[in-house]
């Protein structure tokens, strides 16, 4: 019986060697492609936003609420006071199309009232307000 010969590994010198400069070049070209795609996506987004920038929205500042009976509404006259559910100086709600988007404070601007935005309601808070 012949003794089995152990197999030996032969290194083929024709196989390509790991070239770090090629890896760096490939990473760089991949990064350029990703940057180009993100720039194109951003341009597309801006074009889509431009389509709706002139759409009108109803913006309402809510000073407070109260429920009244029809009898009470019919009794209103000039000089009547309606007691709201908010205290003086408490932040007011800013609603866009009946959805709260911000809180603000009432300010006087050259004999006219305005609202200074003090905080924007986060998307999570908006979702919770819908429940």
Protein backbone atom coordinates (compact mmCIF):
# COMPACT_ATOMS: atom_id res chain seq x y z
CA UNK A 1 0.00 0.00 0.00
CA UNK A 2 1.27 3.36 -0.85
CA UNK A 3 1.24 6.02 1.83
CA UNK A 4 -1.10 8.87 1.10
CA UNK A 5 0.65 12.10 0.40
CA UNK A 6 -0.62 15.16 2.30
CA UNK A 7 -2.24 17.75 0.10
CA UNK A 8 -0.32 20.96 -0.18
CA UNK A 9 -1.81 24.30 -0.92
CA UNK A 10 -0.48 25.98 -3.99
CA UNK A 11 -0.66 29.74 -4.17
CA UNK A 12 -1.52 30.86 -7.65
CA UNK A 13 0.35 34.04 -8.35
CA UNK A 14 -2.05 34.87 -11.17
CA UNK A 15 -4.86 35.68 -8.67
CA UNK A 16 -5.35 39.40 -8.11
CA UNK A 17 -3.87 40.73 -4.93
CA UNK A 18 -5.84 42.98 -2.56
CA UNK A 19 -5.19 46.53 -3.68
CA UNK A 20 -6.17 49.17 -1.13
CA UNK A 21 -6.05 52.00 -3.66
CA UNK A 22 -8.71 50.18 -5.74
CA UNK A 23 -10.92 49.81 -2.66
CA UNK A 24 -10.55 53.50 -1.84
CA UNK A 25 -11.37 54.45 -5.45
CA UNK A 26 -14.46 52.19 -5.43
CA UNK A 27 -15.64 53.66 -2.09
CA UNK A 28 -15.10 57.18 -3.43
CA UNK A 29 -17.04 56.50 -6.64
CA UNK A 30 -19.87 54.89 -4.62
CA UNK A 31 -19.97 57.94 -2.36
CA UNK A 32 -20.13 60.23 -5.41
CA UNK A 33 -23.05 58.20 -6.81
CA UNK A 34 -24.88 58.43 -3.49
CA UNK A 35 -24.25 62.18 -3.30
CA UNK A 36 -25.49 62.65 -6.87
CA UNK A 37 -28.64 60.62 -6.09
CA UNK A 38 -29.34 62.62 -2.93
CA UNK A 39 -28.88 65.91 -4.81
CA UNK A 40 -31.31 64.71 -7.48
CA UNK A 41 -33.81 63.58 -4.84
CA UNK A 42 -33.51 66.96 -3.08
CA UNK A 43 -34.12 68.80 -6.37
CA UNK A 44 -37.18 66.63 -7.04
CA UNK A 45 -38.45 67.35 -3.50
CA UNK A 46 -38.00 71.10 -4.00
CA UNK A 47 -39.88 70.95 -7.32
CA UNK A 48 -42.74 69.08 -5.63
CA UNK A 49 -42.87 71.60 -2.77
CA UNK A 50 -42.91 74.48 -5.27
CA UNK A 51 -46.16 73.07 -6.66
CA UNK A 52 -48.03 73.61 -3.38
CA UNK A 53 -46.42 76.77 -1.97
CA UNK A 54 -49.31 78.95 -3.18
CA UNK A 55 -52.08 76.78 -1.70
CA UNK A 56 -54.17 78.74 0.78
CA UNK A 57 -54.62 77.53 4.35
CA UNK A 58 -56.98 78.69 7.07
CA UNK A 59 -54.94 79.84 10.08
CA UNK A 60 -56.91 80.36 13.28
CA UNK A 61 -55.70 81.58 16.66
CA UNK A 62 -57.84 80.12 19.38
CA UNK A 63 -58.07 82.28 22.49
CA UNK A 64 -60.34 79.83 24.29
CA UNK A 65 -63.56 77.85 24.10
CA UNK A 66 -66.87 77.66 25.84
CA UNK A 67 -70.07 75.72 25.32
CA UNK A 68 -73.22 77.78 25.39
CA UNK A 69 -76.88 77.00 25.05
CA UNK A 70 -78.85 78.59 22.25
CA UNK A 71 -80.73 80.67 24.86
CA UNK A 72 -77.41 82.16 26.09
CA UNK A 73 -76.21 82.94 22.55
CA UNK A 74 -79.49 84.70 21.75
CA UNK A 75 -79.12 86.85 24.87
CA UNK A 76 -75.73 88.23 23.75
CA UNK A 77 -75.68 91.96 23.15
CA UNK A 78 -72.99 94.60 22.66
CA UNK A 79 -70.97 94.75 25.88
CA UNK A 80 -71.73 91.13 26.89
CA UNK A 81 -68.81 89.14 28.28
CA UNK A 82 -68.08 85.56 27.37
CA UNK A 83 -65.93 83.73 29.91
CA UNK A 84 -63.44 81.47 28.11
CA UNK A 85 -61.70 78.38 29.45
CA UNK A 86 -58.26 80.08 29.42
CA UNK A 87 -56.57 82.39 31.85
CA UNK A 88 -55.18 85.78 30.84
CA UNK A 89 -51.58 85.40 29.70
CA UNK A 90 -51.95 81.68 28.97
CA UNK A 91 -50.57 80.57 25.57
CA UNK A 92 -52.99 80.55 22.65
CA UNK A 93 -53.33 77.72 20.13
CA UNK A 94 -52.46 78.28 16.46
CA UNK A 95 -54.51 76.01 14.20
CA UNK A 96 -54.03 75.34 10.50
CA UNK A 97 -57.08 73.81 8.84
CA UNK A 98 -58.42 72.99 12.32
CA UNK A 99 -55.25 71.10 13.38
CA UNK A 100 -53.04 72.53 16.14
CA UNK A 101 -49.52 73.28 14.90
CA UNK A 102 -48.13 75.78 17.42
CA UNK A 103 -48.60 77.75 20.62
CA UNK A 104 -48.10 81.48 20.86
CA UNK A 105 -48.66 84.62 22.86
CA UNK A 106 -50.85 87.56 21.93
CA UNK A 107 -48.94 90.76 21.18
CA UNK A 108 -49.96 94.28 20.23
CA UNK A 109 -48.56 95.53 16.89
CA UNK A 110 -49.36 99.17 16.08
CA UNK A 111 -52.88 98.98 17.55
CA UNK A 112 -53.49 95.54 15.99
CA UNK A 113 -53.29 92.16 17.64
CA UNK A 114 -50.82 89.53 16.53
CA UNK A 115 -49.45 86.23 17.76
CA UNK A 116 -45.80 85.52 18.51
CA UNK A 117 -45.09 81.80 18.00
CA UNK A 118 -43.47 80.41 21.14
CA UNK A 119 -43.39 76.70 20.30
CA UNK A 120 -44.14 74.38 17.41
CA UNK A 121 -46.10 71.24 18.15
CA UNK A 122 -44.12 68.12 17.22
CA UNK A 123 -45.57 65.58 14.79
CA UNK A 124 -45.94 63.09 17.67
CA UNK A 125 -47.94 65.63 19.69
CA UNK A 126 -50.13 66.34 16.63
CA UNK A 127 -50.90 62.65 16.25
CA UNK A 128 -51.73 62.36 19.95
CA UNK A 129 -54.09 65.35 19.72
CA UNK A 130 -56.06 63.54 17.00
CA UNK A 131 -56.90 60.62 19.30
